Amino acid sequence: MAQVSYSDVFSLDLERELDEEILSGDVVRTGANFYPHFRVIAVHGDKVWVRNVDTDVDGLTTVNRCRKINGPPPV
């Protein structure tokens, strides 16, 4: 069975044009909401390995879904 995300169900377009290069160590968010924040672990082609800064849960996404955040998330 294929995994379905809320963006698939509601036909949301989370992709965007890249204005900044995403690199390992960057703090990013995905989608239009400001939270959650993710730390980029690795970038390979158009895929990004990210780790949630609050829960330490890892995930994979595409580079064009990531929006770079300047500085660390507020505590």
PDB file of N, CA and C in Angstrom:
ATOM      1  N   MET A   1       0.837  -1.174   0.000  1.00  0.00           N
ATOM      2  CA  MET A   1       0.000   0.000   0.000  1.00  0.00           C
ATOM      3  C   MET A   1       0.887   1.245   0.000  1.00  0.00           C
ATOM      4  N   ALA A   2       0.589   2.187  -0.856  1.00  0.00           N
ATOM      5  CA  ALA A   2       1.374   3.417  -0.957  1.00  0.00           C
ATOM      6  C   ALA A   2       0.994   4.381   0.153  1.00  0.00           C
ATOM      7  N   GLN A   3       2.002   5.097   0.680  1.00  0.00           N
ATOM      8  CA  GLN A   3       1.732   6.107   1.688  1.00  0.00           C
ATOM      9  C   GLN A   3       1.123   7.333   1.023  1.00  0.00           C
ATOM     10  N   VAL A   4       0.149   7.928   1.686  1.00  0.00           N
ATOM     11  CA  VAL A   4      -0.517   9.115   1.172  1.00  0.00           C
ATOM     12  C   VAL A   4      -0.324  10.231   2.182  1.00  0.00           C
ATOM     13  N   SER A   5       0.080  11.408   1.711  1.00  0.00           N
ATOM     14  CA  SER A   5       0.269  12.544   2.602  1.00  0.00           C
ATOM     15  C   SER A   5      -0.892  13.517   2.452  1.00  0.00           C
ATOM     16  N   TYR A   6      -0.991  14.460   3.394  1.00  0.00           N
ATOM     17  CA  TYR A   6      -2.054  15.458   3.327  1.00  0.00           C
ATOM     18  C   TYR A   6      -1.939  16.289   2.054  1.00  0.00           C
ATOM     19  N   SER A   7      -0.713  16.495   1.566  1.00  0.00           N
ATOM     20  CA  SER A   7      -0.565  17.276   0.329  1.00  0.00           C
ATOM     21  C   SER A   7      -1.143  16.539  -0.873  1.00  0.00           C
ATOM     22  N   ASP A   8      -1.086  15.198  -0.853  1.00  0.00           N
ATOM     23  CA  ASP A   8      -1.702  14.409  -1.912  1.00  0.00           C
ATOM     24  C   ASP A   8      -3.225  14.455  -1.818  1.00  0.00           C
ATOM     25  N   VAL A   9      -3.747  14.299  -0.606  1.00  0.00           N
ATOM     26  CA  VAL A   9      -5.196  14.268  -0.392  1.00  0.00           C
ATOM     27  C   VAL A   9      -5.846  15.584  -0.786  1.00  0.00           C
ATOM     28  N   PHE A  10      -5.225  16.713  -0.377  1.00  0.00           N
ATOM     29  CA  PHE A  10      -5.817  18.021  -0.625  1.00  0.00           C
ATOM     30  C   PHE A  10      -5.228  18.723  -1.845  1.00  0.00           C
ATOM     31  N   SER A  11      -4.435  18.000  -2.638  1.00  0.00           N
ATOM     32  CA  SER A  11      -3.831  18.535  -3.861  1.00  0.00           C
ATOM     33  C   SER A  11      -3.059  19.831  -3.620  1.00  0.00           C
ATOM     34  N   LEU A  12      -2.261  19.858  -2.553  1.00  0.00           N
ATOM     35  CA  LEU A  12      -1.455  21.030  -2.237  1.00  0.00           C
ATOM     36  C   LEU A  12      -0.127  20.948  -2.982  1.00  0.00           C
ATOM     37  N   ASP A  13       0.321  22.057  -3.508  1.00  0.00           N
ATOM     38  CA  ASP A  13       1.604  22.124  -4.196  1.00  0.00           C
ATOM     39  C   ASP A  13       2.620  22.735  -3.242  1.00  0.00           C
ATOM     40  N   LEU A  14       3.491  21.906  -2.677  1.00  0.00           N
ATOM     41  CA  LEU A  14       4.477  22.371  -1.708  1.00  0.00           C
ATOM     42  C   LEU A  14       5.820  22.676  -2.354  1.00  0.00           C
ATOM     43  N   GLU A  15       5.952  22.411  -3.637  1.00  0.00           N
ATOM     44  CA  GLU A  15       7.221  22.625  -4.310  1.00  0.00           C
ATOM     45  C   GLU A  15       7.372  24.095  -4.688  1.00  0.00           C
ATOM     46  N   ARG A  16       8.618  24.525  -4.796  1.00  0.00           N
ATOM     47  CA  ARG A  16       8.897  25.927  -5.107  1.00  0.00           C
ATOM     48  C   ARG A  16      10.193  26.007  -5.880  1.00  0.00           C
ATOM     49  N   GLU A  17      10.461  27.171  -6.428  1.00  0.00           N
ATOM     50  CA  GLU A  17      11.743  27.430  -7.079  1.00  0.00           C
ATOM     51  C   GLU A  17      12.787  27.650  -5.996  1.00  0.00           C
ATOM     52  N   LEU A  18      13.995  27.117  -6.223  1.00  0.00           N
ATOM     53  CA  LEU A  18      15.067  27.269  -5.244  1.00  0.00           C
ATOM     54  C   LEU A  18      15.666  28.660  -5.338  1.00  0.00           C
ATOM     55  N   ASP A  19      15.684  29.389  -4.196  1.00  0.00           N
ATOM     56  CA  ASP A  19      16.331  30.689  -4.167  1.00  0.00           C
ATOM     57  C   ASP A  19      17.650  30.617  -3.409  1.00  0.00           C
ATOM     58  N   GLU A  20      17.815  29.588  -2.567  1.00  0.00           N
ATOM     59  CA  GLU A  20      19.056  29.369  -1.845  1.00  0.00           C
ATOM     60  C   GLU A  20      19.399  27.887  -1.913  1.00  0.00           C
ATOM     61  N   GLU A  21      20.677  27.591  -1.974  1.00  0.00           N
ATOM     62  CA  GLU A  21      21.106  26.202  -1.991  1.00  0.00           C
ATOM     63  C   GLU A  21      20.940  25.607  -0.597  1.00  0.00           C
ATOM     64  N   ILE A  22      20.382  24.412  -0.517  1.00  0.00           N
ATOM     65  CA  ILE A  22      20.204  23.701   0.744  1.00  0.00           C
ATOM     66  C   ILE A  22      21.426  22.813   0.951  1.00  0.00           C
ATOM     67  N   LEU A  23      22.081  22.967   2.117  1.00  0.00           N
ATOM     68  CA  LEU A  23      23.297  22.226   2.424  1.00  0.00           C
ATOM     69  C   LEU A  23      23.155  21.489   3.744  1.00  0.00           C
ATOM     70  N   SER A  24      24.002  20.487   3.963  1.00  0.00           N
ATOM     71  CA  SER A  24      24.027  19.777   5.241  1.00  0.00           C
ATOM     72  C   SER A  24      24.278  20.774   6.361  1.00  0.00           C
ATOM     73  N   GLY A  25      23.529  20.615   7.470  1.00  0.00           N
ATOM     74  CA  GLY A  25      23.660  21.508   8.608  1.00  0.00           C
ATOM     75  C   GLY A  25      22.662  22.645   8.621  1.00  0.00           C
ATOM     76  N   ASP A  26      22.027  22.936   7.477  1.00  0.00           N
ATOM     77  CA  ASP A  26      21.021  24.004   7.425  1.00  0.00           C
ATOM     78  C   ASP A  26      19.800  23.621   8.244  1.00  0.00           C
ATOM     79  N   VAL A  27      19.115  24.626   8.776  1.00  0.00           N
ATOM     80  CA  VAL A  27      17.827  24.428   9.423  1.00  0.00           C
ATOM     81  C   VAL A  27      16.769  24.863   8.417  1.00  0.00           C
ATOM     82  N   VAL A  28      15.806  23.985   8.169  1.00  0.00           N
ATOM     83  CA  VAL A  28      14.782  24.239   7.161  1.00  0.00           C
ATOM     84  C   VAL A  28      13.398  23.919   7.715  1.00  0.00           C
ATOM     85  N   ARG A  29      12.399  24.340   6.971  1.00  0.00           N
ATOM     86  CA  ARG A  29      11.016  23.919   7.201  1.00  0.00           C
ATOM     87  C   ARG A  29      10.494  23.404   5.880  1.00  0.00           C
ATOM     88  N   THR A  30       9.413  22.661   5.918  1.00  0.00           N
ATOM     89  CA  THR A  30       8.816  22.172   4.680  1.00  0.00           C
ATOM     90  C   THR A  30       7.387  22.658   4.615  1.00  0.00           C
ATOM     91  N   GLY A  31       6.979  23.143   3.493  1.00  0.00           N
ATOM     92  CA  GLY A  31       5.616  23.615   3.345  1.00  0.00           C
ATOM     93  C   GLY A  31       5.446  25.049   3.781  1.00  0.00           C
ATOM     94  N   ALA A  32       4.197  25.466   3.889  1.00  0.00           N
ATOM     95  CA  ALA A  32       3.872  26.861   4.182  1.00  0.00           C
ATOM     96  C   ALA A  32       3.920  27.200   5.666  1.00  0.00           C
ATOM     97  N   ASN A  33       3.800  26.224   6.548  1.00  0.00           N
ATOM     98  CA  ASN A  33       3.815  26.500   7.984  1.00  0.00           C
ATOM     99  C   ASN A  33       5.228  26.764   8.475  1.00  0.00           C
ATOM    100  N   PHE A  34       5.345  27.557   9.544  1.00  0.00           N
ATOM    101  CA  PHE A  34       6.657  27.888  10.080  1.00  0.00           C
ATOM    102  C   PHE A  34       7.272  26.720  10.854  1.00  0.00           C
ATOM    103  N   TYR A  35       6.461  25.862  11.430  1.00  0.00           N
ATOM    104  CA  TYR A  35       6.960  24.699  12.180  1.00  0.00           C
ATOM    105  C   TYR A  35       6.469  23.430  11.525  1.00  0.00           C
ATOM    106  N   PRO A  36       7.094  22.307  11.688  1.00  0.00           N
ATOM    107  CA  PRO A  36       8.293  22.044  12.480  1.00  0.00           C
ATOM    108  C   PRO A  36       9.561  22.429  11.732  1.00  0.00           C
ATOM    109  N   HIS A  37      10.645  22.517  12.492  1.00  0.00           N
ATOM    110  CA  HIS A  37      11.961  22.793  11.925  1.00  0.00           C
ATOM    111  C   HIS A  37      12.731  21.493  11.797  1.00  0.00           C
ATOM    112  N   PHE A  38      13.547  21.419  10.768  1.00  0.00           N
ATOM    113  CA  PHE A  38      14.357  20.237  10.506  1.00  0.00           C
ATOM    114  C   PHE A  38      15.802  20.648  10.270  1.00  0.00           C
ATOM    115  N   ARG A  39      16.746  19.830  10.726  1.00  0.00           N
ATOM    116  CA  ARG A  39      18.158  20.015  10.399  1.00  0.00           C
ATOM    117  C   ARG A  39      18.483  19.088   9.236  1.00  0.00           C
ATOM    118  N   VAL A  40      19.149  19.615   8.224  1.00  0.00           N
ATOM    119  CA  VAL A  40      19.522  18.831   7.057  1.00  0.00           C
ATOM    120  C   VAL A  40      20.734  17.974   7.424  1.00  0.00           C
ATOM    121  N   ILE A  41      20.576  16.660   7.279  1.00  0.00           N
ATOM    122  CA  ILE A  41      21.658  15.727   7.561  1.00  0.00           C
ATOM    123  C   ILE A  41      22.501  15.523   6.309  1.00  0.00           C
ATOM    124  N   ALA A  42      21.849  15.308   5.170  1.00  0.00           N
ATOM    125  CA  ALA A  42      22.570  15.076   3.914  1.00  0.00           C
ATOM    126  C   ALA A  42      21.691  15.451   2.735  1.00  0.00           C
ATOM    127  N   VAL A  43      22.347  15.815   1.642  1.00  0.00           N
ATOM    128  CA  VAL A  43      21.668  16.138   0.388  1.00  0.00           C
ATOM    129  C   VAL A  43      22.289  15.260  -0.693  1.00  0.00           C
ATOM    130  N   HIS A  44      21.419  14.601  -1.475  1.00  0.00           N
ATOM    131  CA  HIS A  44      21.902  13.779  -2.586  1.00  0.00           C
ATOM    132  C   HIS A  44      20.975  14.010  -3.769  1.00  0.00           C
ATOM    133  N   GLY A  45      21.471  14.708  -4.767  1.00  0.00           N
ATOM    134  CA  GLY A  45      20.637  15.024  -5.928  1.00  0.00           C
ATOM    135  C   GLY A  45      19.482  15.920  -5.506  1.00  0.00           C
ATOM    136  N   ASP A  46      18.253  15.462  -5.746  1.00  0.00           N
ATOM    137  CA  ASP A  46      17.076  16.257  -5.361  1.00  0.00           C
ATOM    138  C   ASP A  46      16.441  15.759  -4.068  1.00  0.00           C
ATOM    139  N   LYS A  47      17.091  14.834  -3.361  1.00  0.00           N
ATOM    140  CA  LYS A  47      16.574  14.290  -2.099  1.00  0.00           C
ATOM    141  C   LYS A  47      17.337  14.866  -0.913  1.00  0.00           C
ATOM    142  N   VAL A  48      16.610  15.070   0.206  1.00  0.00           N
ATOM    143  CA  VAL A  48      17.203  15.613   1.420  1.00  0.00           C
ATOM    144  C   VAL A  48      16.833  14.711   2.594  1.00  0.00           C
ATOM    145  N   TRP A  49      17.834  14.359   3.396  1.00  0.00           N
ATOM    146  CA  TRP A  49      17.617  13.626   4.646  1.00  0.00           C
ATOM    147  C   TRP A  49      17.551  14.675   5.730  1.00  0.00           C
ATOM    148  N   VAL A  50      16.423  14.744   6.442  1.00  0.00           N
ATOM    149  CA  VAL A  50      16.219  15.760   7.474  1.00  0.00           C
ATOM    150  C   VAL A  50      15.925  15.105   8.814  1.00  0.00           C
ATOM    151  N   ARG A  51      16.198  15.849   9.898  1.00  0.00           N
ATOM    152  CA  ARG A  51      15.915  15.388  11.257  1.00  0.00           C
ATOM    153  C   ARG A  51      15.155  16.496  11.988  1.00  0.00           C
ATOM    154  N   ASN A  52      13.990  16.165  12.544  1.00  0.00           N
ATOM    155  CA  ASN A  52      13.191  17.111  13.309  1.00  0.00           C
ATOM    156  C   ASN A  52      14.000  17.565  14.515  1.00  0.00           C
ATOM    157  N   VAL A  53      14.142  18.883  14.714  1.00  0.00           N
ATOM    158  CA  VAL A  53      14.982  19.384  15.799  1.00  0.00           C
ATOM    159  C   VAL A  53      14.353  19.180  17.170  1.00  0.00           C
ATOM    160  N   ASP A  54      13.028  18.988  17.240  1.00  0.00           N
ATOM    161  CA  ASP A  54      12.351  18.777  18.517  1.00  0.00           C
ATOM    162  C   ASP A  54      12.263  17.311  18.904  1.00  0.00           C
ATOM    163  N   THR A  55      12.013  16.435  17.937  1.00  0.00           N
ATOM    164  CA  THR A  55      11.747  15.026  18.240  1.00  0.00           C
ATOM    165  C   THR A  55      12.856  14.080  17.799  1.00  0.00           C
ATOM    166  N   ASP A  56      13.830  14.578  17.033  1.00  0.00           N
ATOM    167  CA  ASP A  56      14.919  13.761  16.476  1.00  0.00           C
ATOM    168  C   ASP A  56      14.435  12.669  15.534  1.00  0.00           C
ATOM    169  N   VAL A  57      13.247  12.814  14.975  1.00  0.00           N
ATOM    170  CA  VAL A  57      12.726  11.861  13.993  1.00  0.00           C
ATOM    171  C   VAL A  57      13.277  12.223  12.623  1.00  0.00           C
ATOM    172  N   ASP A  58      13.818  11.228  11.917  1.00  0.00           N
ATOM    173  CA  ASP A  58      14.396  11.436  10.593  1.00  0.00           C
ATOM    174  C   ASP A  58      13.346  11.256   9.505  1.00  0.00           C
ATOM    175  N   GLY A  59      13.585  11.897   8.377  1.00  0.00           N
ATOM    176  CA  GLY A  59      12.703  11.749   7.234  1.00  0.00           C
ATOM    177  C   GLY A  59      13.425  12.103   5.954  1.00  0.00           C
ATOM    178  N   LEU A  60      12.804  11.781   4.834  1.00  0.00           N
ATOM    179  CA  LEU A  60      13.321  12.128   3.513  1.00  0.00           C
ATOM    180  C   LEU A  60      12.301  13.005   2.807  1.00  0.00           C
ATOM    181  N   THR A  61      12.777  13.979   2.069  1.00  0.00           N
ATOM    182  CA  THR A  61      11.910  14.832   1.278  1.00  0.00           C
ATOM    183  C   THR A  61      12.709  15.302   0.061  1.00  0.00           C
ATOM    184  N   THR A  62      12.095  16.116  -0.767  1.00  0.00           N
ATOM    185  CA  THR A  62      12.789  16.662  -1.924  1.00  0.00           C
ATOM    186  C   THR A  62      13.312  18.060  -1.594  1.00  0.00           C
ATOM    187  N   VAL A  63      14.373  18.456  -2.262  1.00  0.00           N
ATOM    188  CA  VAL A  63      14.999  19.754  -2.016  1.00  0.00           C
ATOM    189  C   VAL A  63      14.013  20.894  -2.244  1.00  0.00           C
ATOM    190  N   ASN A  64      13.178  20.780  -3.276  1.00  0.00           N
ATOM    191  CA  ASN A  64      12.278  21.887  -3.603  1.00  0.00           C
ATOM    192  C   ASN A  64      11.127  22.055  -2.618  1.00  0.00           C
ATOM    193  N   ARG A  65      10.998  21.190  -1.627  1.00  0.00           N
ATOM    194  CA  ARG A  65      10.018  21.389  -0.551  1.00  0.00           C
ATOM    195  C   ARG A  65      10.614  22.110   0.645  1.00  0.00           C
ATOM    196  N   CYS A  66      11.934  22.253   0.672  1.00  0.00           N
ATOM    197  CA  CYS A  66      12.616  22.842   1.822  1.00  0.00           C
ATOM    198  C   CYS A  66      12.733  24.355   1.682  1.00  0.00           C
ATOM    199  N   ARG A  67      12.484  25.036   2.789  1.00  0.00           N
ATOM    200  CA  ARG A  67      12.669  26.482   2.868  1.00  0.00           C
ATOM    201  C   ARG A  67      13.672  26.749   3.980  1.00  0.00           C
ATOM    202  N   LYS A  68      14.783  27.368   3.632  1.00  0.00           N
ATOM    203  CA  LYS A  68      15.859  27.609   4.592  1.00  0.00           C
ATOM    204  C   LYS A  68      15.422  28.632   5.632  1.00  0.00           C
ATOM    205  N   ILE A  69      15.759  28.354   6.886  1.00  0.00           N
ATOM    206  CA  ILE A  69      15.491  29.262   7.998  1.00  0.00           C
ATOM    207  C   ILE A  69      16.831  29.833   8.435  1.00  0.00           C
ATOM    208  N   ASN A  70      16.905  31.129   8.601  1.00  0.00           N
ATOM    209  CA  ASN A  70      18.149  31.741   9.061  1.00  0.00           C
ATOM    210  C   ASN A  70      18.265  31.606  10.563  1.00  0.00           C
ATOM    211  N   GLY A  71      19.308  30.927  11.005  1.00  0.00           N
ATOM    212  CA  GLY A  71      19.551  30.753  12.423  1.00  0.00           C
ATOM    213  C   GLY A  71      18.798  29.576  12.990  1.00  0.00           C
ATOM    214  N   PRO A  72      19.105  29.198  14.246  1.00  0.00           N
ATOM    215  CA  PRO A  72      18.442  28.072  14.890  1.00  0.00           C
ATOM    216  C   PRO A  72      17.017  28.411  15.288  1.00  0.00           C
ATOM    217  N   PRO A  73      16.151  27.422  15.469  1.00  0.00           N
ATOM    218  CA  PRO A  73      14.786  27.697  15.896  1.00  0.00           C
ATOM    219  C   PRO A  73      14.758  28.257  17.313  1.00  0.00           C
ATOM    220  N   PRO A  74      13.756  29.065  17.641  1.00  0.00           N
ATOM    221  CA  PRO A  74      13.666  29.610  19.004  1.00  0.00           C
ATOM    222  C   PRO A  74      13.413  28.503  20.014  1.00  0.00           C
ATOM    223  N   VAL A  75      13.916  28.709  21.218  1.00  0.00           N
ATOM    224  CA  VAL A  75      13.771  27.703  22.276  1.00  0.00           C
ATOM    225  C   VAL A  75      12.558  27.986  23.115  1.00  0.00           C
TER     226      VAL A  75
END
